[in-house]
């Protein structure tokens, strides 16, 4: 069963290729959705996939790419949506 989750990542997550790395990870897991920078320095996104791959994706978000320093990840169930791939907004 597919789920749709909203995530907000805080820490040093802008200017460190976080969105591009997130898209690569999502593509490798077969997750659809999107990711974008927020004006306050956080990164927000929506991910849709099966529970096991969403759990792996969440673990990756808690680390992020090499230059990032993740302080927290909010992970909230949201209304189901369909997406064509995973995009950077």
PDB file of N, CA and C in Angstrom:
ATOM      1  N   UNK A   1       0.841  -1.182   0.000  1.00  0.00           N
ATOM      2  CA  UNK A   1       0.000   0.000   0.000  1.00  0.00           C
ATOM      3  C   UNK A   1       0.892   1.253   0.000  1.00  0.00           C
ATOM      4  N   UNK A   2       0.535   2.206  -0.831  1.00  0.00           N
ATOM      5  CA  UNK A   2       1.310   3.437  -0.928  1.00  0.00           C
ATOM      6  C   UNK A   2       0.810   4.465   0.066  1.00  0.00           C
ATOM      7  N   UNK A   3       1.757   5.247   0.594  1.00  0.00           N
ATOM      8  CA  UNK A   3       1.478   6.327   1.538  1.00  0.00           C
ATOM      9  C   UNK A   3       2.092   7.606   1.002  1.00  0.00           C
ATOM     10  N   UNK A   4       1.520   8.721   1.426  1.00  0.00           N
ATOM     11  CA  UNK A   4       2.096  10.023   1.088  1.00  0.00           C
ATOM     12  C   UNK A   4       2.478  10.718   2.387  1.00  0.00           C
ATOM     13  N   UNK A   5       3.742  11.132   2.484  1.00  0.00           N
ATOM     14  CA  UNK A   5       4.261  11.768   3.689  1.00  0.00           C
ATOM     15  C   UNK A   5       4.848  13.132   3.348  1.00  0.00           C
ATOM     16  N   UNK A   6       4.622  14.102   4.225  1.00  0.00           N
ATOM     17  CA  UNK A   6       5.240  15.419   4.106  1.00  0.00           C
ATOM     18  C   UNK A   6       6.446  15.431   5.039  1.00  0.00           C
ATOM     19  N   UNK A   7       7.547  16.012   4.583  1.00  0.00           N
ATOM     20  CA  UNK A   7       8.724  16.109   5.444  1.00  0.00           C
ATOM     21  C   UNK A   7       9.269  17.533   5.430  1.00  0.00           C
ATOM     22  N   UNK A   8       9.804  17.943   6.569  1.00  0.00           N
ATOM     23  CA  UNK A   8      10.485  19.228   6.697  1.00  0.00           C
ATOM     24  C   UNK A   8      11.798  18.940   7.417  1.00  0.00           C
ATOM     25  N   UNK A   9      12.896  19.330   6.784  1.00  0.00           N
ATOM     26  CA  UNK A   9      14.229  19.041   7.311  1.00  0.00           C
ATOM     27  C   UNK A   9      14.882  20.353   7.725  1.00  0.00           C
ATOM     28  N   UNK A  10      15.380  20.403   8.954  1.00  0.00           N
ATOM     29  CA  UNK A  10      16.044  21.614   9.434  1.00  0.00           C
ATOM     30  C   UNK A  10      17.504  21.320   9.745  1.00  0.00           C
ATOM     31  N   UNK A  11      18.295  22.368   9.763  1.00  0.00           N
ATOM     32  CA  UNK A  11      19.729  22.276   9.983  1.00  0.00           C
ATOM     33  C   UNK A  11      20.439  23.015   8.861  1.00  0.00           C
ATOM     34  N   UNK A  12      21.656  22.606   8.546  1.00  0.00           N
ATOM     35  CA  UNK A  12      22.352  23.172   7.391  1.00  0.00           C
ATOM     36  C   UNK A  12      21.969  22.320   6.182  1.00  0.00           C
ATOM     37  N   UNK A  13      20.862  22.715   5.533  1.00  0.00           N
ATOM     38  CA  UNK A  13      20.303  21.904   4.455  1.00  0.00           C
ATOM     39  C   UNK A  13      20.090  22.694   3.163  1.00  0.00           C
ATOM     40  N   UNK A  14      20.468  23.961   3.154  1.00  0.00           N
ATOM     41  CA  UNK A  14      20.428  24.740   1.915  1.00  0.00           C
ATOM     42  C   UNK A  14      21.851  25.113   1.539  1.00  0.00           C
ATOM     43  N   UNK A  15      22.115  25.122   0.235  1.00  0.00           N
ATOM     44  CA  UNK A  15      23.465  25.430  -0.239  1.00  0.00           C
ATOM     45  C   UNK A  15      24.424  24.261  -0.125  1.00  0.00           C
ATOM     46  N   UNK A  16      23.891  23.061   0.108  1.00  0.00           N
ATOM     47  CA  UNK A  16      24.739  21.869   0.254  1.00  0.00           C
ATOM     48  C   UNK A  16      24.255  20.733  -0.661  1.00  0.00           C
ATOM     49  N   UNK A  17      23.536  21.087  -1.710  1.00  0.00           N
ATOM     50  CA  UNK A  17      23.032  20.128  -2.691  1.00  0.00           C
ATOM     51  C   UNK A  17      22.018  19.164  -2.098  1.00  0.00           C
ATOM     52  N   UNK A  18      21.286  19.594  -1.065  1.00  0.00           N
ATOM     53  CA  UNK A  18      20.335  18.717  -0.393  1.00  0.00           C
ATOM     54  C   UNK A  18      19.187  18.308  -1.319  1.00  0.00           C
ATOM     55  N   UNK A  19      18.616  19.268  -2.055  1.00  0.00           N
ATOM     56  CA  UNK A  19      17.479  18.938  -2.929  1.00  0.00           C
ATOM     57  C   UNK A  19      17.886  17.964  -4.035  1.00  0.00           C
ATOM     58  N   UNK A  20      19.019  18.194  -4.667  1.00  0.00           N
ATOM     59  CA  UNK A  20      19.469  17.304  -5.740  1.00  0.00           C
ATOM     60  C   UNK A  20      19.741  15.899  -5.199  1.00  0.00           C
ATOM     61  N   UNK A  21      20.378  15.813  -4.046  1.00  0.00           N
ATOM     62  CA  UNK A  21      20.658  14.513  -3.439  1.00  0.00           C
ATOM     63  C   UNK A  21      19.359  13.818  -3.028  1.00  0.00           C
ATOM     64  N   UNK A  22      18.396  14.604  -2.553  1.00  0.00           N
ATOM     65  CA  UNK A  22      17.096  14.039  -2.162  1.00  0.00           C
ATOM     66  C   UNK A  22      16.400  13.449  -3.383  1.00  0.00           C
ATOM     67  N   UNK A  23      16.443  14.154  -4.499  1.00  0.00           N
ATOM     68  CA  UNK A  23      15.822  13.625  -5.716  1.00  0.00           C
ATOM     69  C   UNK A  23      16.510  12.334  -6.161  1.00  0.00           C
ATOM     70  N   UNK A  24      17.839  12.298  -6.111  1.00  0.00           N
ATOM     71  CA  UNK A  24      18.556  11.067  -6.487  1.00  0.00           C
ATOM     72  C   UNK A  24      18.149   9.902  -5.598  1.00  0.00           C
ATOM     73  N   UNK A  25      18.073  10.152  -4.282  1.00  0.00           N
ATOM     74  CA  UNK A  25      17.683   9.084  -3.358  1.00  0.00           C
ATOM     75  C   UNK A  25      16.254   8.633  -3.620  1.00  0.00           C
ATOM     76  N   UNK A  26      15.355   9.582  -3.803  1.00  0.00           N
ATOM     77  CA  UNK A  26      13.957   9.239  -4.082  1.00  0.00           C
ATOM     78  C   UNK A  26      13.863   8.399  -5.351  1.00  0.00           C
ATOM     79  N   UNK A  27      14.570   8.812  -6.399  1.00  0.00           N
ATOM     80  CA  UNK A  27      14.567   8.045  -7.646  1.00  0.00           C
ATOM     81  C   UNK A  27      15.103   6.631  -7.427  1.00  0.00           C
ATOM     82  N   UNK A  28      16.151   6.502  -6.627  1.00  0.00           N
ATOM     83  CA  UNK A  28      16.733   5.171  -6.391  1.00  0.00           C
ATOM     84  C   UNK A  28      15.781   4.268  -5.603  1.00  0.00           C
ATOM     85  N   UNK A  29      14.940   4.862  -4.761  1.00  0.00           N
ATOM     86  CA  UNK A  29      13.955   4.096  -3.976  1.00  0.00           C
ATOM     87  C   UNK A  29      12.635   3.909  -4.716  1.00  0.00           C
ATOM     88  N   UNK A  30      12.454   4.573  -5.849  1.00  0.00           N
ATOM     89  CA  UNK A  30      11.185   4.500  -6.560  1.00  0.00           C
ATOM     90  C   UNK A  30      10.099   5.349  -5.917  1.00  0.00           C
ATOM     91  N   UNK A  31      10.511   6.379  -5.191  1.00  0.00           N
ATOM     92  CA  UNK A  31       9.578   7.278  -4.511  1.00  0.00           C
ATOM     93  C   UNK A  31       9.238   8.435  -5.444  1.00  0.00           C
ATOM     94  N   UNK A  32       7.971   8.841  -5.442  1.00  0.00           N
ATOM     95  CA  UNK A  32       7.557  10.009  -6.206  1.00  0.00           C
ATOM     96  C   UNK A  32       7.253  11.151  -5.250  1.00  0.00           C
ATOM     97  N   UNK A  33       7.196  12.391  -5.790  1.00  0.00           N
ATOM     98  CA  UNK A  33       6.885  13.545  -4.964  1.00  0.00           C
ATOM     99  C   UNK A  33       7.685  14.747  -5.391  1.00  0.00           C
ATOM    100  N   UNK A  34       8.078  15.575  -4.442  1.00  0.00           N
ATOM    101  CA  UNK A  34       8.832  16.794  -4.732  1.00  0.00           C
ATOM    102  C   UNK A  34       9.583  17.266  -3.496  1.00  0.00           C
ATOM    103  N   UNK A  35      10.519  18.208  -3.726  1.00  0.00           N
ATOM    104  CA  UNK A  35      11.296  18.821  -2.649  1.00  0.00           C
ATOM    105  C   UNK A  35      11.555  20.277  -3.026  1.00  0.00           C
ATOM    106  N   UNK A  36      11.604  21.164  -2.022  1.00  0.00           N
ATOM    107  CA  UNK A  36      11.882  22.582  -2.268  1.00  0.00           C
ATOM    108  C   UNK A  36      12.512  23.224  -1.041  1.00  0.00           C
ATOM    109  N   UNK A  37      13.204  24.341  -1.276  1.00  0.00           N
ATOM    110  CA  UNK A  37      13.735  25.149  -0.185  1.00  0.00           C
ATOM    111  C   UNK A  37      12.624  26.021   0.382  1.00  0.00           C
ATOM    112  N   UNK A  38      12.672  26.253   1.690  1.00  0.00           N
ATOM    113  CA  UNK A  38      11.764  27.193   2.339  1.00  0.00           C
ATOM    114  C   UNK A  38      12.528  28.482   2.648  1.00  0.00           C
ATOM    115  N   UNK A  39      11.822  29.604   2.722  1.00  0.00           N
ATOM    116  CA  UNK A  39      12.489  30.877   2.991  1.00  0.00           C
ATOM    117  C   UNK A  39      13.239  30.920   4.330  1.00  0.00           C
ATOM    118  N   UNK A  40      12.829  30.085   5.282  1.00  0.00           N
ATOM    119  CA  UNK A  40      13.460  30.109   6.612  1.00  0.00           C
ATOM    120  C   UNK A  40      14.703  29.222   6.715  1.00  0.00           C
ATOM    121  N   UNK A  41      15.156  28.648   5.585  1.00  0.00           N
ATOM    122  CA  UNK A  41      16.375  27.847   5.591  1.00  0.00           C
ATOM    123  C   UNK A  41      16.144  26.347   5.688  1.00  0.00           C
ATOM    124  N   UNK A  42      14.904  25.937   5.879  1.00  0.00           N
ATOM    125  CA  UNK A  42      14.605  24.502   5.919  1.00  0.00           C
ATOM    126  C   UNK A  42      14.297  23.991   4.515  1.00  0.00           C
ATOM    127  N   UNK A  43      14.187  22.681   4.386  1.00  0.00           N
ATOM    128  CA  UNK A  43      13.805  22.032   3.143  1.00  0.00           C
ATOM    129  C   UNK A  43      12.511  21.273   3.409  1.00  0.00           C
ATOM    130  N   UNK A  44      11.565  21.396   2.476  1.00  0.00           N
ATOM    131  CA  UNK A  44      10.261  20.742   2.613  1.00  0.00           C
ATOM    132  C   UNK A  44      10.031  19.846   1.407  1.00  0.00           C
ATOM    133  N   UNK A  45       9.284  18.785   1.609  1.00  0.00           N
ATOM    134  CA  UNK A  45       8.944  17.927   0.489  1.00  0.00           C
ATOM    135  C   UNK A  45       7.790  17.017   0.799  1.00  0.00           C
ATOM    136  N   UNK A  46       7.385  16.297  -0.232  1.00  0.00           N
ATOM    137  CA  UNK A  46       6.344  15.284  -0.127  1.00  0.00           C
ATOM    138  C   UNK A  46       6.884  14.033  -0.800  1.00  0.00           C
ATOM    139  N   UNK A  47       6.707  12.896  -0.156  1.00  0.00           N
ATOM    140  CA  UNK A  47       7.190  11.622  -0.688  1.00  0.00           C
ATOM    141  C   UNK A  47       6.054  10.610  -0.691  1.00  0.00           C
ATOM    142  N   UNK A  48       5.919   9.896  -1.801  1.00  0.00           N
ATOM    143  CA  UNK A  48       4.896   8.853  -1.915  1.00  0.00           C
ATOM    144  C   UNK A  48       5.567   7.537  -2.286  1.00  0.00           C
ATOM    145  N   UNK A  49       5.264   6.512  -1.498  1.00  0.00           N
ATOM    146  CA  UNK A  49       5.840   5.201  -1.754  1.00  0.00           C
ATOM    147  C   UNK A  49       5.318   4.182  -0.762  1.00  0.00           C
ATOM    148  N   UNK A  50       5.841   2.973  -0.843  1.00  0.00           N
ATOM    149  CA  UNK A  50       5.477   1.901   0.085  1.00  0.00           C
ATOM    150  C   UNK A  50       6.190   2.116   1.420  1.00  0.00           C
ATOM    151  N   UNK A  51       5.588   1.614   2.488  1.00  0.00           N
ATOM    152  CA  UNK A  51       6.142   1.793   3.833  1.00  0.00           C
ATOM    153  C   UNK A  51       7.635   1.467   3.957  1.00  0.00           C
ATOM    154  N   UNK A  52       8.095   0.314   3.474  1.00  0.00           N
ATOM    155  CA  UNK A  52       9.515  -0.019   3.674  1.00  0.00           C
ATOM    156  C   UNK A  52      10.462   0.983   3.007  1.00  0.00           C
ATOM    157  N   UNK A  53      10.136   1.430   1.786  1.00  0.00           N
ATOM    158  CA  UNK A  53      11.033   2.374   1.121  1.00  0.00           C
ATOM    159  C   UNK A  53      10.922   3.761   1.737  1.00  0.00           C
ATOM    160  N   UNK A  54       9.737   4.137   2.216  1.00  0.00           N
ATOM    161  CA  UNK A  54       9.605   5.419   2.906  1.00  0.00           C
ATOM    162  C   UNK A  54      10.426   5.424   4.192  1.00  0.00           C
ATOM    163  N   UNK A  55      10.482   4.299   4.877  1.00  0.00           N
ATOM    164  CA  UNK A  55      11.290   4.203   6.100  1.00  0.00           C
ATOM    165  C   UNK A  55      12.774   4.387   5.770  1.00  0.00           C
ATOM    166  N   UNK A  56      13.247   3.768   4.691  1.00  0.00           N
ATOM    167  CA  UNK A  56      14.644   3.933   4.258  1.00  0.00           C
ATOM    168  C   UNK A  56      14.912   5.376   3.853  1.00  0.00           C
ATOM    169  N   UNK A  57      13.983   5.975   3.132  1.00  0.00           N
ATOM    170  CA  UNK A  57      14.118   7.361   2.695  1.00  0.00           C
ATOM    171  C   UNK A  57      14.183   8.288   3.903  1.00  0.00           C
ATOM    172  N   UNK A  58      13.351   8.044   4.884  1.00  0.00           N
ATOM    173  CA  UNK A  58      13.364   8.870   6.101  1.00  0.00           C
ATOM    174  C   UNK A  58      14.717   8.761   6.812  1.00  0.00           C
ATOM    175  N   UNK A  59      15.259   7.555   6.900  1.00  0.00           N
ATOM    176  CA  UNK A  59      16.579   7.379   7.519  1.00  0.00           C
ATOM    177  C   UNK A  59      17.641   8.172   6.745  1.00  0.00           C
ATOM    178  N   UNK A  60      17.535   8.153   5.405  1.00  0.00           N
ATOM    179  CA  UNK A  60      18.483   8.922   4.612  1.00  0.00           C
ATOM    180  C   UNK A  60      18.314  10.418   4.891  1.00  0.00           C
ATOM    181  N   UNK A  61      17.076  10.925   4.965  1.00  0.00           N
ATOM    182  CA  UNK A  61      16.831  12.342   5.242  1.00  0.00           C
ATOM    183  C   UNK A  61      17.458  12.765   6.568  1.00  0.00           C
ATOM    184  N   UNK A  62      17.494  11.868   7.533  1.00  0.00           N
ATOM    185  CA  UNK A  62      18.057  12.193   8.840  1.00  0.00           C
ATOM    186  C   UNK A  62      19.573  12.386   8.769  1.00  0.00           C
ATOM    187  N   UNK A  63      20.201  11.864   7.721  1.00  0.00           N
ATOM    188  CA  UNK A  63      21.636  12.070   7.495  1.00  0.00           C
ATOM    189  C   UNK A  63      21.869  13.138   6.439  1.00  0.00           C
ATOM    190  N   UNK A  64      21.149  13.014   5.318  1.00  0.00           N
ATOM    191  CA  UNK A  64      21.314  13.937   4.201  1.00  0.00           C
ATOM    192  C   UNK A  64      22.614  13.698   3.464  1.00  0.00           C
ATOM    193  N   UNK A  65      22.914  14.571   2.496  1.00  0.00           N
ATOM    194  CA  UNK A  65      24.176  14.439   1.761  1.00  0.00           C
ATOM    195  C   UNK A  65      25.364  14.834   2.634  1.00  0.00           C
ATOM    196  N   UNK A  66      26.543  14.580   2.140  1.00  0.00           N
ATOM    197  CA  UNK A  66      27.775  14.742   2.919  1.00  0.00           C
ATOM    198  C   UNK A  66      27.940  16.128   3.544  1.00  0.00           C
ATOM    199  N   UNK A  67      27.645  17.200   2.824  1.00  0.00           N
ATOM    200  CA  UNK A  67      27.880  18.549   3.337  1.00  0.00           C
ATOM    201  C   UNK A  67      26.778  19.059   4.265  1.00  0.00           C
ATOM    202  N   UNK A  68      25.678  18.345   4.332  1.00  0.00           N
ATOM    203  CA  UNK A  68      24.554  18.779   5.167  1.00  0.00           C
ATOM    204  C   UNK A  68      24.815  18.450   6.635  1.00  0.00           C
ATOM    205  N   UNK A  69      24.124  19.178   7.493  1.00  0.00           N
ATOM    206  CA  UNK A  69      24.106  18.878   8.928  1.00  0.00           C
ATOM    207  C   UNK A  69      22.646  18.942   9.360  1.00  0.00           C
ATOM    208  N   UNK A  70      22.002  17.780   9.397  1.00  0.00           N
ATOM    209  CA  UNK A  70      20.572  17.697   9.699  1.00  0.00           C
ATOM    210  C   UNK A  70      20.370  17.735  11.205  1.00  0.00           C
ATOM    211  N   UNK A  71      19.525  18.648  11.650  1.00  0.00           N
ATOM    212  CA  UNK A  71      19.178  18.745  13.069  1.00  0.00           C
ATOM    213  C   UNK A  71      17.877  18.017  13.389  1.00  0.00           C
ATOM    214  N   UNK A  72      16.910  18.077  12.481  1.00  0.00           N
ATOM    215  CA  UNK A  72      15.617  17.444  12.742  1.00  0.00           C
ATOM    216  C   UNK A  72      14.891  17.174  11.435  1.00  0.00           C
ATOM    217  N   UNK A  73      14.063  16.130  11.457  1.00  0.00           N
ATOM    218  CA  UNK A  73      13.187  15.813  10.329  1.00  0.00           C
ATOM    219  C   UNK A  73      11.780  15.647  10.883  1.00  0.00           C
ATOM    220  N   UNK A  74      10.873  16.514  10.424  1.00  0.00           N
ATOM    221  CA  UNK A  74       9.445  16.331  10.721  1.00  0.00           C
ATOM    222  C   UNK A  74       8.903  15.413   9.638  1.00  0.00           C
ATOM    223  N   UNK A  75       8.100  14.444  10.024  1.00  0.00           N
ATOM    224  CA  UNK A  75       7.605  13.416   9.103  1.00  0.00           C
ATOM    225  C   UNK A  75       6.125  13.238   9.409  1.00  0.00           C
ATOM    226  N   UNK A  76       5.255  13.725   8.528  1.00  0.00           N
ATOM    227  CA  UNK A  76       3.827  13.812   8.818  1.00  0.00           C
ATOM    228  C   UNK A  76       3.022  13.193   7.677  1.00  0.00           C
ATOM    229  N   UNK A  77       2.105  12.297   8.004  1.00  0.00           N
ATOM    230  CA  UNK A  77       1.205  11.732   6.993  1.00  0.00           C
ATOM    231  C   UNK A  77       0.337  12.855   6.433  1.00  0.00           C
ATOM    232  N   UNK A  78       0.092  12.798   5.132  1.00  0.00           N
ATOM    233  CA  UNK A  78      -0.702  13.827   4.472  1.00  0.00           C
ATOM    234  C   UNK A  78      -1.666  13.178   3.488  1.00  0.00           C
ATOM    235  N   UNK A  79      -2.485  13.991   2.871  1.00  0.00           N
ATOM    236  CA  UNK A  79      -3.455  13.505   1.899  1.00  0.00           C
ATOM    237  C   UNK A  79      -2.735  12.830   0.734  1.00  0.00           C
ATOM    238  N   UNK A  80      -3.252  11.678   0.321  1.00  0.00           N
ATOM    239  CA  UNK A  80      -2.644  10.960  -0.802  1.00  0.00           C
ATOM    240  C   UNK A  80      -2.708  11.793  -2.068  1.00  0.00           C
ATOM    241  N   UNK A  81      -1.607  11.803  -2.788  1.00  0.00           N
ATOM    242  CA  UNK A  81      -1.510  12.478  -4.075  1.00  0.00           C
ATOM    243  C   UNK A  81      -0.753  11.573  -5.032  1.00  0.00           C
ATOM    244  N   UNK A  82      -0.995  11.753  -6.317  1.00  0.00           N
ATOM    245  CA  UNK A  82      -0.246  11.046  -7.347  1.00  0.00           C
ATOM    246  C   UNK A  82       0.773  12.009  -7.944  1.00  0.00           C
ATOM    247  N   UNK A  83       1.969  11.519  -8.219  1.00  0.00           N
ATOM    248  CA  UNK A  83       3.032  12.328  -8.801  1.00  0.00           C
ATOM    249  C   UNK A  83       3.663  11.579  -9.979  1.00  0.00           C
ATOM    250  N   UNK A  84       4.147  12.325 -10.949  1.00  0.00           N
ATOM    251  CA  UNK A  84       4.910  11.753 -12.053  1.00  0.00           C
ATOM    252  C   UNK A  84       6.380  11.953 -11.738  1.00  0.00           C
ATOM    253  N   UNK A  85       6.982  11.011 -11.045  1.00  0.00           N
ATOM    254  CA  UNK A  85       8.381  11.111 -10.683  1.00  0.00           C
ATOM    255  C   UNK A  85       8.599  11.963  -9.440  1.00  0.00           C
ATOM    256  N   UNK A  86       9.840  12.376  -9.232  1.00  0.00           N
ATOM    257  CA  UNK A  86      10.211  13.189  -8.084  1.00  0.00           C
ATOM    258  C   UNK A  86      10.881  14.443  -8.610  1.00  0.00           C
ATOM    259  N   UNK A  87      10.359  15.610  -8.240  1.00  0.00           N
ATOM    260  CA  UNK A  87      10.857  16.860  -8.804  1.00  0.00           C
ATOM    261  C   UNK A  87      11.408  17.811  -7.740  1.00  0.00           C
ATOM    262  N   UNK A  88      12.238  18.728  -8.208  1.00  0.00           N
ATOM    263  CA  UNK A  88      12.725  19.835  -7.379  1.00  0.00           C
ATOM    264  C   UNK A  88      11.898  21.042  -7.764  1.00  0.00           C
ATOM    265  N   UNK A  89      11.318  21.684  -6.767  1.00  0.00           N
ATOM    266  CA  UNK A  89      10.502  22.880  -7.024  1.00  0.00           C
ATOM    267  C   UNK A  89      11.241  24.120  -6.640  1.00  0.00           C
TER     268      UNK A  89
END
